[in-house]
Amino acid sequence: MTPRPIIGITTQTLDAIPGELPRCWVMSQRYVDVLTAAGAIPWVIPLTHDMATLREVYERLDGVFLPGGVDMDPDQYSESRLPVCGVTDPDRDRVEVALVRWAMEEQKPVLAVCRGVQVLNVAAGGTLYQDLAEWCEAAIKHDYWPNEPRQRQDLVHDVFIEPQTVLASIMGAGATTVNSMHHQGIKKLAPGLVVNARAPDGLIEGVEGRDDESFLLGVQWHPEELVESISTARRLFEAFIASASSHQIDAVPR
């Protein structure tokens, strides 16, 4: 019987609370629960500065999952920080970019959501809008957090999934409505990636690798919040886990 694939989930820094709590690495339990339900063994990844240790963790993974979170530091894509850029986590940036680049080199499956798709684009050589309202005249509102009384599963705008893409093979081509909650987005698409989804105003809402041999896919919305209500969101995680299982079988035994 094939073991369940191990999926690495990156974390985010929680700064110390003097006298109460030391500096921590944290991540939403939602990602762990959804990946577990899809058939994975979740492995929460520390933001260690020891790259040898990080590489050892990576070697034991069958896939990498990049969750949502704070803004990327513009230094990662060689731009100066603007006032519209929010809170950043340089340790997380460093770890996630390294993991994505290793995975791309070795065709290890990667699934990225929200901030994750932005990290994927930057790691592959692209850039970001530091704030959509500042950099493009969006026809729709992409960011409703934290100023509007909505739930994370609320569907707020359409995206168009491009035909003949991996995403279309999983979720179907054409229009679908998503739960959007981001103020940054992809500006310059990285070489080696293709667009698999766009918003009505033209903003890139999903990307994937050009190489059909590997699962390298990211979406700008939060499908983990929709798996109980929308079957295509559940299928996205199932396809990722299936690819990680195939990679596990093809890899050298641990």
C-alpha atoms as a PDB file:
ATOM      1  CA  MET A   1       0.000   0.000   0.000  1.00  0.00           C
ATOM      2  CA  THR A   2       1.461   3.374  -1.055  1.00  0.00           C
ATOM      3  CA  PRO A   3       1.973   5.799   1.872  1.00  0.00           C
ATOM      4  CA  ARG A   4       0.045   9.049   1.812  1.00  0.00           C
ATOM      5  CA  PRO A   5       2.139  11.805   0.192  1.00  0.00           C
ATOM      6  CA  ILE A   6       3.843  14.327   2.462  1.00  0.00           C
ATOM      7  CA  ILE A   7       2.920  17.928   1.633  1.00  0.00           C
ATOM      8  CA  GLY A   8       4.948  20.798   3.034  1.00  0.00           C
ATOM      9  CA  ILE A   9       2.985  23.851   4.201  1.00  0.00           C
ATOM     10  CA  THR A  10       5.004  26.997   4.732  1.00  0.00           C
ATOM     11  CA  THR A  11       4.462  29.169   7.794  1.00  0.00           C
ATOM     12  CA  GLN A  12       4.442  32.851   8.702  1.00  0.00           C
ATOM     13  CA  THR A  13       6.298  34.729  11.424  1.00  0.00           C
ATOM     14  CA  LEU A  14       4.403  35.801  14.521  1.00  0.00           C
ATOM     15  CA  ASP A  15       6.509  38.406  16.293  1.00  0.00           C
ATOM     16  CA  ALA A  16       7.236  38.061  19.970  1.00  0.00           C
ATOM     17  CA  ILE A  17       4.877  39.482  22.577  1.00  0.00           C
ATOM     18  CA  PRO A  18       7.240  40.766  25.296  1.00  0.00           C
ATOM     19  CA  GLY A  19       6.745  38.941  28.558  1.00  0.00           C
ATOM     20  CA  GLU A  20       4.137  36.604  27.066  1.00  0.00           C
ATOM     21  CA  LEU A  21       5.238  34.808  23.904  1.00  0.00           C
ATOM     22  CA  PRO A  22       8.504  34.275  22.038  1.00  0.00           C
ATOM     23  CA  ARG A  23       8.768  34.689  18.270  1.00  0.00           C
ATOM     24  CA  CYS A  24       6.736  31.921  16.583  1.00  0.00           C
ATOM     25  CA  TRP A  25       6.029  30.336  13.199  1.00  0.00           C
ATOM     26  CA  VAL A  26       2.307  29.893  12.552  1.00  0.00           C
ATOM     27  CA  MET A  27      -0.187  28.970   9.834  1.00  0.00           C
ATOM     28  CA  SER A  28      -3.934  28.517   9.532  1.00  0.00           C
ATOM     29  CA  GLN A  29      -5.283  25.112  10.540  1.00  0.00           C
ATOM     30  CA  ARG A  30      -7.623  25.305   7.558  1.00  0.00           C
ATOM     31  CA  TYR A  31      -4.852  24.395   5.125  1.00  0.00           C
ATOM     32  CA  VAL A  32      -3.819  21.419   7.244  1.00  0.00           C
ATOM     33  CA  ASP A  33      -7.400  20.150   7.470  1.00  0.00           C
ATOM     34  CA  VAL A  34      -8.120  20.478   3.733  1.00  0.00           C
ATOM     35  CA  LEU A  35      -4.887  18.798   2.653  1.00  0.00           C
ATOM     36  CA  THR A  36      -5.457  16.012   5.177  1.00  0.00           C
ATOM     37  CA  ALA A  37      -8.985  15.454   3.867  1.00  0.00           C
ATOM     38  CA  ALA A  38      -7.586  15.266   0.327  1.00  0.00           C
ATOM     39  CA  GLY A  39      -5.302  12.401   1.369  1.00  0.00           C
ATOM     40  CA  ALA A  40      -2.028  14.094   2.353  1.00  0.00           C
ATOM     41  CA  ILE A  41       0.224  14.046   5.383  1.00  0.00           C
ATOM     42  CA  PRO A  42       0.734  17.768   6.123  1.00  0.00           C
ATOM     43  CA  TRP A  43       4.209  18.876   7.212  1.00  0.00           C
ATOM     44  CA  VAL A  44       4.390  22.409   8.613  1.00  0.00           C
ATOM     45  CA  ILE A  45       7.698  23.959   7.534  1.00  0.00           C
ATOM     46  CA  PRO A  46       9.743  26.229   9.843  1.00  0.00           C
ATOM     47  CA  LEU A  47      11.266  29.412   8.440  1.00  0.00           C
ATOM     48  CA  THR A  48      14.750  28.309   9.405  1.00  0.00           C
ATOM     49  CA  HIS A  49      17.863  30.249   8.419  1.00  0.00           C
ATOM     50  CA  ASP A  50      19.740  26.950   8.176  1.00  0.00           C
ATOM     51  CA  MET A  51      19.446  26.214   4.464  1.00  0.00           C
ATOM     52  CA  ALA A  52      20.914  22.737   4.893  1.00  0.00           C
ATOM     53  CA  THR A  53      18.091  21.908   7.306  1.00  0.00           C
ATOM     54  CA  LEU A  54      15.519  23.419   4.943  1.00  0.00           C
ATOM     55  CA  ARG A  55      16.894  21.310   2.110  1.00  0.00           C
ATOM     56  CA  GLU A  56      16.618  18.172   4.263  1.00  0.00           C
ATOM     57  CA  VAL A  57      12.977  19.025   4.957  1.00  0.00           C
ATOM     58  CA  TYR A  58      12.362  19.631   1.261  1.00  0.00           C
ATOM     59  CA  GLU A  59      13.906  16.290   0.280  1.00  0.00           C
ATOM     60  CA  ARG A  60      11.334  14.474   2.404  1.00  0.00           C
ATOM     61  CA  LEU A  61       8.368  16.206   0.745  1.00  0.00           C
ATOM     62  CA  ASP A  62       6.272  14.872  -2.119  1.00  0.00           C
ATOM     63  CA  GLY A  63       4.751  18.288  -2.825  1.00  0.00           C
ATOM     64  CA  VAL A  64       4.876  21.921  -1.704  1.00  0.00           C
ATOM     65  CA  PHE A  65       1.823  23.996  -0.764  1.00  0.00           C
ATOM     66  CA  LEU A  66       2.112  27.797  -0.610  1.00  0.00           C
ATOM     67  CA  PRO A  67      -0.696  29.383   1.474  1.00  0.00           C
ATOM     68  CA  GLY A  68      -1.994  32.930   1.728  1.00  0.00           C
ATOM     69  CA  GLY A  69      -0.575  35.593   4.011  1.00  0.00           C
ATOM     70  CA  VAL A  70       1.176  38.951   4.179  1.00  0.00           C
ATOM     71  CA  ASP A  71       2.740  40.885   1.289  1.00  0.00           C
ATOM     72  CA  MET A  72       6.015  39.876  -0.338  1.00  0.00           C
ATOM     73  CA  ASP A  73       8.942  42.227   0.195  1.00  0.00           C
ATOM     74  CA  PRO A  74       9.498  44.114  -3.100  1.00  0.00           C
ATOM     75  CA  ASP A  75      13.210  43.478  -2.652  1.00  0.00           C
ATOM     76  CA  GLN A  76      12.456  39.947  -3.861  1.00  0.00           C
ATOM     77  CA  TYR A  77      11.654  41.326  -7.331  1.00  0.00           C
ATOM     78  CA  SER A  78      14.176  44.188  -7.298  1.00  0.00           C
ATOM     79  CA  GLU A  79      11.771  47.066  -6.670  1.00  0.00           C
ATOM     80  CA  SER A  80      11.773  49.770  -4.025  1.00  0.00           C
ATOM     81  CA  ARG A  81       9.172  49.501  -1.319  1.00  0.00           C
ATOM     82  CA  LEU A  82       6.216  51.881  -1.710  1.00  0.00           C
ATOM     83  CA  PRO A  83       3.973  53.178   1.111  1.00  0.00           C
ATOM     84  CA  VAL A  84       1.097  51.071  -0.273  1.00  0.00           C
ATOM     85  CA  CYS A  85       2.988  47.850   0.425  1.00  0.00           C
ATOM     86  CA  GLY A  86       1.760  46.191   3.609  1.00  0.00           C
ATOM     87  CA  VAL A  87       3.390  44.080   6.296  1.00  0.00           C
ATOM     88  CA  THR A  88       6.056  41.718   4.963  1.00  0.00           C
ATOM     89  CA  ASP A  89       7.847  38.618   6.254  1.00  0.00           C
ATOM     90  CA  PRO A  90      11.349  38.383   4.734  1.00  0.00           C
ATOM     91  CA  ASP A  91      12.051  35.006   6.375  1.00  0.00           C
ATOM     92  CA  ARG A  92       8.967  33.549   4.756  1.00  0.00           C
ATOM     93  CA  ASP A  93       9.870  35.075   1.387  1.00  0.00           C
ATOM     94  CA  ARG A  94      13.333  33.522   1.534  1.00  0.00           C
ATOM     95  CA  VAL A  95      12.089  30.044   2.460  1.00  0.00           C
ATOM     96  CA  GLU A  96       9.219  29.957  -0.026  1.00  0.00           C
ATOM     97  CA  VAL A  97      11.283  31.211  -2.958  1.00  0.00           C
ATOM     98  CA  ALA A  98      13.928  28.566  -2.240  1.00  0.00           C
ATOM     99  CA  LEU A  99      11.331  25.785  -2.010  1.00  0.00           C
ATOM    100  CA  VAL A 100       9.628  26.831  -5.254  1.00  0.00           C
ATOM    101  CA  ARG A 101      12.899  27.036  -7.166  1.00  0.00           C
ATOM    102  CA  TRP A 102      13.995  23.611  -5.935  1.00  0.00           C
ATOM    103  CA  ALA A 103      10.611  22.152  -6.824  1.00  0.00           C
ATOM    104  CA  MET A 104      10.661  23.698 -10.294  1.00  0.00           C
ATOM    105  CA  GLU A 105      14.121  22.288 -10.949  1.00  0.00           C
ATOM    106  CA  GLU A 106      13.051  18.798  -9.888  1.00  0.00           C
ATOM    107  CA  GLN A 107       9.423  18.884 -11.123  1.00  0.00           C
ATOM    108  CA  LYS A 108       8.074  18.331  -7.615  1.00  0.00           C
ATOM    109  CA  PRO A 109       4.350  19.259  -7.452  1.00  0.00           C
ATOM    110  CA  VAL A 110       3.473  22.766  -6.222  1.00  0.00           C
ATOM    111  CA  LEU A 111       0.045  24.228  -5.444  1.00  0.00           C
ATOM    112  CA  ALA A 112      -0.185  27.909  -4.475  1.00  0.00           C
ATOM    113  CA  VAL A 113      -3.124  30.048  -3.329  1.00  0.00           C
ATOM    114  CA  CYS A 114      -3.505  33.821  -2.950  1.00  0.00           C
ATOM    115  CA  ARG A 115      -0.105  35.129  -1.753  1.00  0.00           C
ATOM    116  CA  GLY A 116       1.243  31.764  -2.887  1.00  0.00           C
ATOM    117  CA  VAL A 117       0.597  32.461  -6.571  1.00  0.00           C
ATOM    118  CA  GLN A 118       2.448  35.757  -6.174  1.00  0.00           C
ATOM    119  CA  VAL A 119       5.411  33.947  -4.599  1.00  0.00           C
ATOM    120  CA  LEU A 120       5.358  31.409  -7.415  1.00  0.00           C
ATOM    121  CA  ASN A 121       5.485  34.188 -10.015  1.00  0.00           C
ATOM    122  CA  VAL A 122       8.316  36.031  -8.254  1.00  0.00           C
ATOM    123  CA  ALA A 123      10.353  32.850  -7.693  1.00  0.00           C
ATOM    124  CA  ALA A 124      10.093  32.146 -11.425  1.00  0.00           C
ATOM    125  CA  GLY A 125      11.251  35.667 -12.359  1.00  0.00           C
ATOM    126  CA  GLY A 126       8.098  37.815 -12.411  1.00  0.00           C
ATOM    127  CA  THR A 127       6.995  40.937 -10.535  1.00  0.00           C
ATOM    128  CA  LEU A 128       3.977  42.172  -8.553  1.00  0.00           C
ATOM    129  CA  TYR A 129       1.747  45.195  -8.214  1.00  0.00           C
ATOM    130  CA  GLN A 130       2.422  46.395  -4.676  1.00  0.00           C
ATOM    131  CA  ASP A 131      -1.186  47.601  -4.528  1.00  0.00           C
ATOM    132  CA  LEU A 132      -3.777  47.101  -7.258  1.00  0.00           C
ATOM    133  CA  ALA A 133      -5.535  50.408  -6.642  1.00  0.00           C
ATOM    134  CA  GLU A 134      -2.231  52.240  -7.000  1.00  0.00           C
ATOM    135  CA  TRP A 135      -0.965  50.490 -10.107  1.00  0.00           C
ATOM    136  CA  CYS A 136      -3.919  49.590 -12.292  1.00  0.00           C
ATOM    137  CA  GLU A 137      -7.448  50.804 -12.863  1.00  0.00           C
ATOM    138  CA  ALA A 138      -9.265  47.675 -11.759  1.00  0.00           C
ATOM    139  CA  ALA A 139     -12.813  47.356 -13.016  1.00  0.00           C
ATOM    140  CA  ILE A 140     -13.724  45.180 -10.034  1.00  0.00           C
ATOM    141  CA  LYS A 141     -12.859  45.128  -6.354  1.00  0.00           C
ATOM    142  CA  HIS A 142     -10.335  42.405  -5.570  1.00  0.00           C
ATOM    143  CA  ASP A 143      -9.664  43.242  -1.923  1.00  0.00           C
ATOM    144  CA  TYR A 144     -12.573  43.374   0.522  1.00  0.00           C
ATOM    145  CA  TRP A 145     -10.479  42.733   3.630  1.00  0.00           C
ATOM    146  CA  PRO A 146     -10.563  43.972   6.316  1.00  0.00           C
ATOM    147  CA  ASN A 147     -13.036  46.811   5.755  1.00  0.00           C
ATOM    148  CA  GLU A 148     -16.174  44.971   4.673  1.00  0.00           C
ATOM    149  CA  PRO A 149     -18.349  42.546   6.683  1.00  0.00           C
ATOM    150  CA  ARG A 150     -17.853  39.456   4.537  1.00  0.00           C
ATOM    151  CA  GLN A 151     -16.954  35.825   5.128  1.00  0.00           C
ATOM    152  CA  ARG A 152     -13.884  34.166   3.641  1.00  0.00           C
ATOM    153  CA  GLN A 153     -16.051  31.870   1.519  1.00  0.00           C
ATOM    154  CA  ASP A 154     -18.065  34.699  -0.042  1.00  0.00           C
ATOM    155  CA  LEU A 155     -17.949  34.691  -3.846  1.00  0.00           C
ATOM    156  CA  VAL A 156     -17.265  38.237  -4.989  1.00  0.00           C
ATOM    157  CA  HIS A 157     -16.159  38.300  -8.635  1.00  0.00           C
ATOM    158  CA  ASP A 158     -15.793  36.082 -11.688  1.00  0.00           C
ATOM    159  CA  VAL A 159     -12.624  34.734 -13.240  1.00  0.00           C
ATOM    160  CA  PHE A 160     -12.324  33.222 -16.685  1.00  0.00           C
ATOM    161  CA  ILE A 161     -10.407  29.952 -16.778  1.00  0.00           C
ATOM    162  CA  GLU A 162      -8.458  29.593 -19.996  1.00  0.00           C
ATOM    163  CA  PRO A 163      -9.220  26.509 -22.097  1.00  0.00           C
ATOM    164  CA  GLN A 164      -6.532  23.901 -22.709  1.00  0.00           C
ATOM    165  CA  THR A 165      -4.821  24.553 -19.374  1.00  0.00           C
ATOM    166  CA  VAL A 166      -4.231  22.222 -16.452  1.00  0.00           C
ATOM    167  CA  LEU A 167      -6.607  24.343 -14.382  1.00  0.00           C
ATOM    168  CA  ALA A 168      -9.312  23.934 -17.033  1.00  0.00           C
ATOM    169  CA  SER A 169      -8.811  20.165 -17.019  1.00  0.00           C
ATOM    170  CA  ILE A 170      -9.526  20.202 -13.269  1.00  0.00           C
ATOM    171  CA  MET A 171     -12.150  22.920 -12.848  1.00  0.00           C
ATOM    172  CA  GLY A 172     -13.477  23.339 -16.378  1.00  0.00           C
ATOM    173  CA  ALA A 173     -12.907  26.213 -18.806  1.00  0.00           C
ATOM    174  CA  GLY A 174     -14.927  29.413 -18.782  1.00  0.00           C
ATOM    175  CA  ALA A 175     -16.324  31.690 -16.097  1.00  0.00           C
ATOM    176  CA  THR A 176     -16.464  30.789 -12.428  1.00  0.00           C
ATOM    177  CA  THR A 177     -17.008  32.975  -9.360  1.00  0.00           C
ATOM    178  CA  VAL A 178     -14.325  33.116  -6.679  1.00  0.00           C
ATOM    179  CA  ASN A 179     -13.664  34.402  -3.161  1.00  0.00           C
ATOM    180  CA  SER A 180     -11.207  37.235  -3.713  1.00  0.00           C
ATOM    181  CA  MET A 181      -9.269  38.852  -0.857  1.00  0.00           C
ATOM    182  CA  HIS A 182      -6.006  40.378  -2.089  1.00  0.00           C
ATOM    183  CA  HIS A 183      -4.624  43.869  -2.675  1.00  0.00           C
ATOM    184  CA  GLN A 184      -1.497  42.778  -4.558  1.00  0.00           C
ATOM    185  CA  GLY A 185      -1.317  40.869  -7.831  1.00  0.00           C
ATOM    186  CA  ILE A 186       0.857  39.682 -10.688  1.00  0.00           C
ATOM    187  CA  LYS A 187       2.280  42.504 -12.814  1.00  0.00           C
ATOM    188  CA  LYS A 188       4.955  40.976 -15.066  1.00  0.00           C
ATOM    189  CA  LEU A 189       4.343  37.287 -15.753  1.00  0.00           C
ATOM    190  CA  ALA A 190       7.402  35.117 -15.152  1.00  0.00           C
ATOM    191  CA  PRO A 191       9.066  33.330 -18.051  1.00  0.00           C
ATOM    192  CA  GLY A 192       8.104  29.675 -17.974  1.00  0.00           C
ATOM    193  CA  LEU A 193       4.616  30.339 -16.615  1.00  0.00           C
ATOM    194  CA  VAL A 194       1.352  30.682 -18.524  1.00  0.00           C
ATOM    195  CA  VAL A 195      -1.871  32.383 -17.484  1.00  0.00           C
ATOM    196  CA  ASN A 196      -4.690  29.966 -16.688  1.00  0.00           C
ATOM    197  CA  ALA A 197      -7.220  32.449 -15.280  1.00  0.00           C
ATOM    198  CA  ARG A 198      -8.022  36.165 -15.507  1.00  0.00           C
ATOM    199  CA  ALA A 199     -10.470  38.521 -13.832  1.00  0.00           C
ATOM    200  CA  PRO A 200     -12.884  40.543 -15.993  1.00  0.00           C
ATOM    201  CA  ASP A 201     -10.589  43.580 -15.692  1.00  0.00           C
ATOM    202  CA  GLY A 202      -7.676  41.589 -17.136  1.00  0.00           C
ATOM    203  CA  LEU A 203      -5.785  40.957 -13.895  1.00  0.00           C
ATOM    204  CA  ILE A 204      -4.015  37.594 -13.840  1.00  0.00           C
ATOM    205  CA  GLU A 205      -5.797  35.336 -11.349  1.00  0.00           C
ATOM    206  CA  GLY A 206      -3.995  32.060 -11.985  1.00  0.00           C
ATOM    207  CA  VAL A 207      -0.807  30.654 -13.503  1.00  0.00           C
ATOM    208  CA  GLU A 208       0.739  27.295 -14.220  1.00  0.00           C
ATOM    209  CA  GLY A 209       3.936  25.859 -15.638  1.00  0.00           C
ATOM    210  CA  ARG A 210       4.496  25.389 -19.352  1.00  0.00           C
ATOM    211  CA  ASP A 211       5.850  21.901 -18.722  1.00  0.00           C
ATOM    212  CA  ASP A 212       3.080  19.302 -18.942  1.00  0.00           C
ATOM    213  CA  GLU A 213       5.237  16.822 -17.026  1.00  0.00           C
ATOM    214  CA  SER A 214       4.914  18.587 -13.669  1.00  0.00           C
ATOM    215  CA  PHE A 215       2.120  20.000 -11.479  1.00  0.00           C
ATOM    216  CA  LEU A 216       2.990  23.671 -10.977  1.00  0.00           C
ATOM    217  CA  LEU A 217      -0.178  25.674 -10.410  1.00  0.00           C
ATOM    218  CA  GLY A 218      -1.368  28.721  -8.516  1.00  0.00           C
ATOM    219  CA  VAL A 219      -4.627  30.639  -8.128  1.00  0.00           C
ATOM    220  CA  GLN A 220      -5.188  34.076  -6.641  1.00  0.00           C
ATOM    221  CA  TRP A 221      -8.322  33.118  -4.696  1.00  0.00           C
ATOM    222  CA  HIS A 222      -8.853  30.806  -1.684  1.00  0.00           C
ATOM    223  CA  PRO A 223     -10.213  27.415  -2.844  1.00  0.00           C
ATOM    224  CA  GLU A 224      -9.533  25.888   0.587  1.00  0.00           C
ATOM    225  CA  GLU A 225     -12.535  27.858   1.877  1.00  0.00           C
ATOM    226  CA  LEU A 226     -14.813  26.395  -0.821  1.00  0.00           C
ATOM    227  CA  VAL A 227     -14.138  22.648  -0.732  1.00  0.00           C
ATOM    228  CA  GLU A 228     -17.376  21.828   1.140  1.00  0.00           C
ATOM    229  CA  SER A 229     -19.586  23.869  -1.177  1.00  0.00           C
ATOM    230  CA  ILE A 230     -17.956  23.731  -4.624  1.00  0.00           C
ATOM    231  CA  SER A 231     -16.815  20.424  -6.100  1.00  0.00           C
ATOM    232  CA  THR A 232     -14.278  22.024  -8.451  1.00  0.00           C
ATOM    233  CA  ALA A 233     -12.425  23.536  -5.483  1.00  0.00           C
ATOM    234  CA  ARG A 234     -12.192  20.091  -3.908  1.00  0.00           C
ATOM    235  CA  ARG A 235     -10.970  18.609  -7.193  1.00  0.00           C
ATOM    236  CA  LEU A 236      -8.122  21.118  -7.285  1.00  0.00           C
ATOM    237  CA  PHE A 237      -6.707  19.731  -4.035  1.00  0.00           C
ATOM    238  CA  GLU A 238      -7.384  16.163  -5.107  1.00  0.00           C
ATOM    239  CA  ALA A 239      -5.488  16.693  -8.372  1.00  0.00           C
ATOM    240  CA  PHE A 240      -2.551  18.155  -6.455  1.00  0.00           C
ATOM    241  CA  ILE A 241      -2.445  15.220  -4.038  1.00  0.00           C
ATOM    242  CA  ALA A 242      -2.746  12.740  -6.921  1.00  0.00           C
ATOM    243  CA  SER A 243       0.241  14.381  -8.600  1.00  0.00           C
ATOM    244  CA  ALA A 244       2.206  14.271  -5.336  1.00  0.00           C
ATOM    245  CA  SER A 245       1.377  10.572  -5.006  1.00  0.00           C
ATOM    246  CA  SER A 246       2.674   9.932  -8.527  1.00  0.00           C
ATOM    247  CA  HIS A 247       5.839  11.863  -7.743  1.00  0.00           C
ATOM    248  CA  GLN A 248       6.249   9.810  -4.568  1.00  0.00           C
ATOM    249  CA  ILE A 249       6.029   6.556  -6.519  1.00  0.00           C
ATOM    250  CA  ASP A 250       8.535   7.749  -9.129  1.00  0.00           C
ATOM    251  CA  ALA A 251      11.012   9.095  -6.561  1.00  0.00           C
ATOM    252  CA  VAL A 252      13.785   7.183  -4.885  1.00  0.00           C
ATOM    253  CA  PRO A 253      12.375   5.475  -1.736  1.00  0.00           C
ATOM    254  CA  ARG A 254      12.925   7.397   1.480  1.00  0.00           C
END
